[in-house]
């Protein structure tokens, strides 16, 4: 992700938080921090950032990158998908451990 797109995304998030505050509490955080004249510039930058972030919907490179992480990994040498699973033993009978008055193993043999 390019630096411009990261900055644009950050400004869009700031704008979304500001709109949330306006909608919930009628409090304009950007105007409170930057004043009247500079807040117009911030609003303009947030609007331009929104237009830049529209390109996320049409960018195939980002979609290809996300698919890369969900596809199975193959060993380059053998072309086989590695299996990292391990099994050590059967699950312990915890019910018998925590409730020794009930003996489930005797009932299973009958």
C-alpha atoms as a PDB file:
ATOM      1  CA  UNK A   1       0.000   0.000   0.000  1.00  0.00           C
ATOM      2  CA  UNK A   2       1.480   3.321  -1.035  1.00  0.00           C
ATOM      3  CA  UNK A   3       2.080   6.148   1.415  1.00  0.00           C
ATOM      4  CA  UNK A   4      -0.528   8.351  -0.286  1.00  0.00           C
ATOM      5  CA  UNK A   5      -3.171   5.647   0.100  1.00  0.00           C
ATOM      6  CA  UNK A   6      -2.284   5.144   3.780  1.00  0.00           C
ATOM      7  CA  UNK A   7      -2.618   8.875   4.443  1.00  0.00           C
ATOM      8  CA  UNK A   8      -5.908   8.958   2.518  1.00  0.00           C
ATOM      9  CA  UNK A   9      -7.259   6.036   4.526  1.00  0.00           C
ATOM     10  CA  UNK A  10      -6.225   7.691   7.803  1.00  0.00           C
ATOM     11  CA  UNK A  11      -8.007  10.917   6.800  1.00  0.00           C
ATOM     12  CA  UNK A  12     -11.141   8.972   5.846  1.00  0.00           C
ATOM     13  CA  UNK A  13     -11.121   7.293   9.273  1.00  0.00           C
ATOM     14  CA  UNK A  14     -10.710  10.693  10.957  1.00  0.00           C
ATOM     15  CA  UNK A  15     -13.616  12.011   8.896  1.00  0.00           C
ATOM     16  CA  UNK A  16     -15.761   9.023   9.825  1.00  0.00           C
ATOM     17  CA  UNK A  17     -15.036   9.528  13.526  1.00  0.00           C
ATOM     18  CA  UNK A  18     -15.848  13.237  13.190  1.00  0.00           C
ATOM     19  CA  UNK A  19     -19.156  12.478  11.453  1.00  0.00           C
ATOM     20  CA  UNK A  20     -19.973   9.958  14.159  1.00  0.00           C
ATOM     21  CA  UNK A  21     -19.378  12.589  16.830  1.00  0.00           C
ATOM     22  CA  UNK A  22     -21.511  15.090  14.912  1.00  0.00           C
ATOM     23  CA  UNK A  23     -24.326  12.579  14.537  1.00  0.00           C
ATOM     24  CA  UNK A  24     -24.290  11.342  18.118  1.00  0.00           C
ATOM     25  CA  UNK A  25     -23.353  14.426  20.138  1.00  0.00           C
ATOM     26  CA  UNK A  26     -23.589  17.392  17.717  1.00  0.00           C
ATOM     27  CA  UNK A  27     -19.898  17.985  18.395  1.00  0.00           C
ATOM     28  CA  UNK A  28     -17.568  18.856  15.516  1.00  0.00           C
ATOM     29  CA  UNK A  29     -14.122  17.739  16.698  1.00  0.00           C
ATOM     30  CA  UNK A  30     -12.252  19.040  13.631  1.00  0.00           C
ATOM     31  CA  UNK A  31     -13.757  22.523  13.986  1.00  0.00           C
ATOM     32  CA  UNK A  32     -13.061  22.473  17.730  1.00  0.00           C
ATOM     33  CA  UNK A  33      -9.391  21.592  17.203  1.00  0.00           C
ATOM     34  CA  UNK A  34      -8.508  23.565  14.051  1.00  0.00           C
ATOM     35  CA  UNK A  35     -10.966  26.456  14.057  1.00  0.00           C
ATOM     36  CA  UNK A  36     -13.094  27.752  11.180  1.00  0.00           C
ATOM     37  CA  UNK A  37     -10.597  28.463   8.381  1.00  0.00           C
ATOM     38  CA  UNK A  38      -8.328  25.479   8.782  1.00  0.00           C
ATOM     39  CA  UNK A  39     -11.209  23.069   9.325  1.00  0.00           C
ATOM     40  CA  UNK A  40     -12.407  23.790   5.747  1.00  0.00           C
ATOM     41  CA  UNK A  41      -9.020  22.648   4.491  1.00  0.00           C
ATOM     42  CA  UNK A  42      -9.229  19.477   6.613  1.00  0.00           C
ATOM     43  CA  UNK A  43     -12.746  18.772   5.278  1.00  0.00           C
ATOM     44  CA  UNK A  44     -11.463  19.224   1.713  1.00  0.00           C
ATOM     45  CA  UNK A  45      -8.578  16.814   2.355  1.00  0.00           C
ATOM     46  CA  UNK A  46     -10.984  14.268   3.869  1.00  0.00           C
ATOM     47  CA  UNK A  47     -13.215  14.558   0.795  1.00  0.00           C
ATOM     48  CA  UNK A  48     -10.284  14.060  -1.593  1.00  0.00           C
ATOM     49  CA  UNK A  49      -9.137  11.125   0.520  1.00  0.00           C
ATOM     50  CA  UNK A  50     -12.558   9.560   0.120  1.00  0.00           C
ATOM     51  CA  UNK A  51     -12.186   9.809  -3.650  1.00  0.00           C
ATOM     52  CA  UNK A  52      -8.743   8.194  -3.451  1.00  0.00           C
ATOM     53  CA  UNK A  53     -10.140   5.392  -1.276  1.00  0.00           C
ATOM     54  CA  UNK A  54     -12.809   4.697  -3.909  1.00  0.00           C
ATOM     55  CA  UNK A  55      -9.987   3.121  -5.902  1.00  0.00           C
ATOM     56  CA  UNK A  56      -9.892   0.304  -3.303  1.00  0.00           C
ATOM     57  CA  UNK A  57     -13.102  -1.044  -4.818  1.00  0.00           C
ATOM     58  CA  UNK A  58     -11.540  -1.330  -8.258  1.00  0.00           C
ATOM     59  CA  UNK A  59      -7.964  -2.318  -7.423  1.00  0.00           C
ATOM     60  CA  UNK A  60      -7.260  -5.905  -8.483  1.00  0.00           C
ATOM     61  CA  UNK A  61      -3.750  -5.875  -6.968  1.00  0.00           C
ATOM     62  CA  UNK A  62      -5.149  -5.646  -3.435  1.00  0.00           C
ATOM     63  CA  UNK A  63      -7.556  -8.520  -4.114  1.00  0.00           C
ATOM     64  CA  UNK A  64      -4.731 -10.673  -5.461  1.00  0.00           C
ATOM     65  CA  UNK A  65      -2.684  -9.961  -2.342  1.00  0.00           C
ATOM     66  CA  UNK A  66      -5.495 -11.025  -0.007  1.00  0.00           C
ATOM     67  CA  UNK A  67      -6.077 -14.238  -2.005  1.00  0.00           C
ATOM     68  CA  UNK A  68      -2.414 -15.098  -1.659  1.00  0.00           C
ATOM     69  CA  UNK A  69      -2.791 -15.508   2.102  1.00  0.00           C
ATOM     70  CA  UNK A  70      -5.846 -17.747   1.911  1.00  0.00           C
ATOM     71  CA  UNK A  71      -4.544 -20.137  -0.740  1.00  0.00           C
ATOM     72  CA  UNK A  72      -2.782 -23.316   0.410  1.00  0.00           C
ATOM     73  CA  UNK A  73       0.970 -23.137   0.686  1.00  0.00           C
ATOM     74  CA  UNK A  74       2.867 -25.681  -1.356  1.00  0.00           C
ATOM     75  CA  UNK A  75       6.413 -26.762  -0.704  1.00  0.00           C
ATOM     76  CA  UNK A  76       8.395 -25.461  -3.673  1.00  0.00           C
ATOM     77  CA  UNK A  77      10.656 -28.489  -3.776  1.00  0.00           C
ATOM     78  CA  UNK A  78       8.053 -31.257  -3.722  1.00  0.00           C
ATOM     79  CA  UNK A  79       4.811 -29.444  -4.593  1.00  0.00           C
ATOM     80  CA  UNK A  80       3.090 -31.000  -1.557  1.00  0.00           C
ATOM     81  CA  UNK A  81       1.113 -29.066   1.003  1.00  0.00           C
ATOM     82  CA  UNK A  82       2.831 -29.512   4.394  1.00  0.00           C
ATOM     83  CA  UNK A  83       0.847 -30.836   7.349  1.00  0.00           C
ATOM     84  CA  UNK A  84       1.850 -29.300  10.660  1.00  0.00           C
ATOM     85  CA  UNK A  85      -0.822 -31.037  12.733  1.00  0.00           C
ATOM     86  CA  UNK A  86       0.224 -33.208  15.646  1.00  0.00           C
ATOM     87  CA  UNK A  87      -1.621 -35.773  17.715  1.00  0.00           C
ATOM     88  CA  UNK A  88      -0.143 -36.913  20.980  1.00  0.00           C
ATOM     89  CA  UNK A  89      -2.753 -39.201  22.485  1.00  0.00           C
ATOM     90  CA  UNK A  90      -6.446 -39.710  23.064  1.00  0.00           C
ATOM     91  CA  UNK A  91      -8.345 -37.061  24.964  1.00  0.00           C
ATOM     92  CA  UNK A  92      -8.288 -37.753  28.709  1.00  0.00           C
ATOM     93  CA  UNK A  93     -11.516 -38.780  30.431  1.00  0.00           C
ATOM     94  CA  UNK A  94     -11.983 -35.578  32.405  1.00  0.00           C
ATOM     95  CA  UNK A  95     -15.496 -36.425  33.551  1.00  0.00           C
ATOM     96  CA  UNK A  96     -14.154 -39.431  35.438  1.00  0.00           C
ATOM     97  CA  UNK A  97     -11.320 -37.304  36.818  1.00  0.00           C
ATOM     98  CA  UNK A  98     -13.581 -34.581  38.168  1.00  0.00           C
ATOM     99  CA  UNK A  99     -16.486 -36.872  39.146  1.00  0.00           C
ATOM    100  CA  UNK A 100     -14.977 -40.143  40.417  1.00  0.00           C
ATOM    101  CA  UNK A 101     -18.318 -41.366  41.805  1.00  0.00           C
ATOM    102  CA  UNK A 102     -19.493 -42.053  38.223  1.00  0.00           C
ATOM    103  CA  UNK A 103     -17.604 -44.807  36.530  1.00  0.00           C
ATOM    104  CA  UNK A 104     -18.189 -44.602  32.794  1.00  0.00           C
ATOM    105  CA  UNK A 105     -15.662 -47.261  31.867  1.00  0.00           C
ATOM    106  CA  UNK A 106     -17.650 -50.021  33.641  1.00  0.00           C
ATOM    107  CA  UNK A 107     -20.823 -49.081  31.759  1.00  0.00           C
ATOM    108  CA  UNK A 108     -19.082 -49.194  28.379  1.00  0.00           C
ATOM    109  CA  UNK A 109     -17.913 -52.801  28.841  1.00  0.00           C
ATOM    110  CA  UNK A 110     -21.440 -54.163  29.422  1.00  0.00           C
END
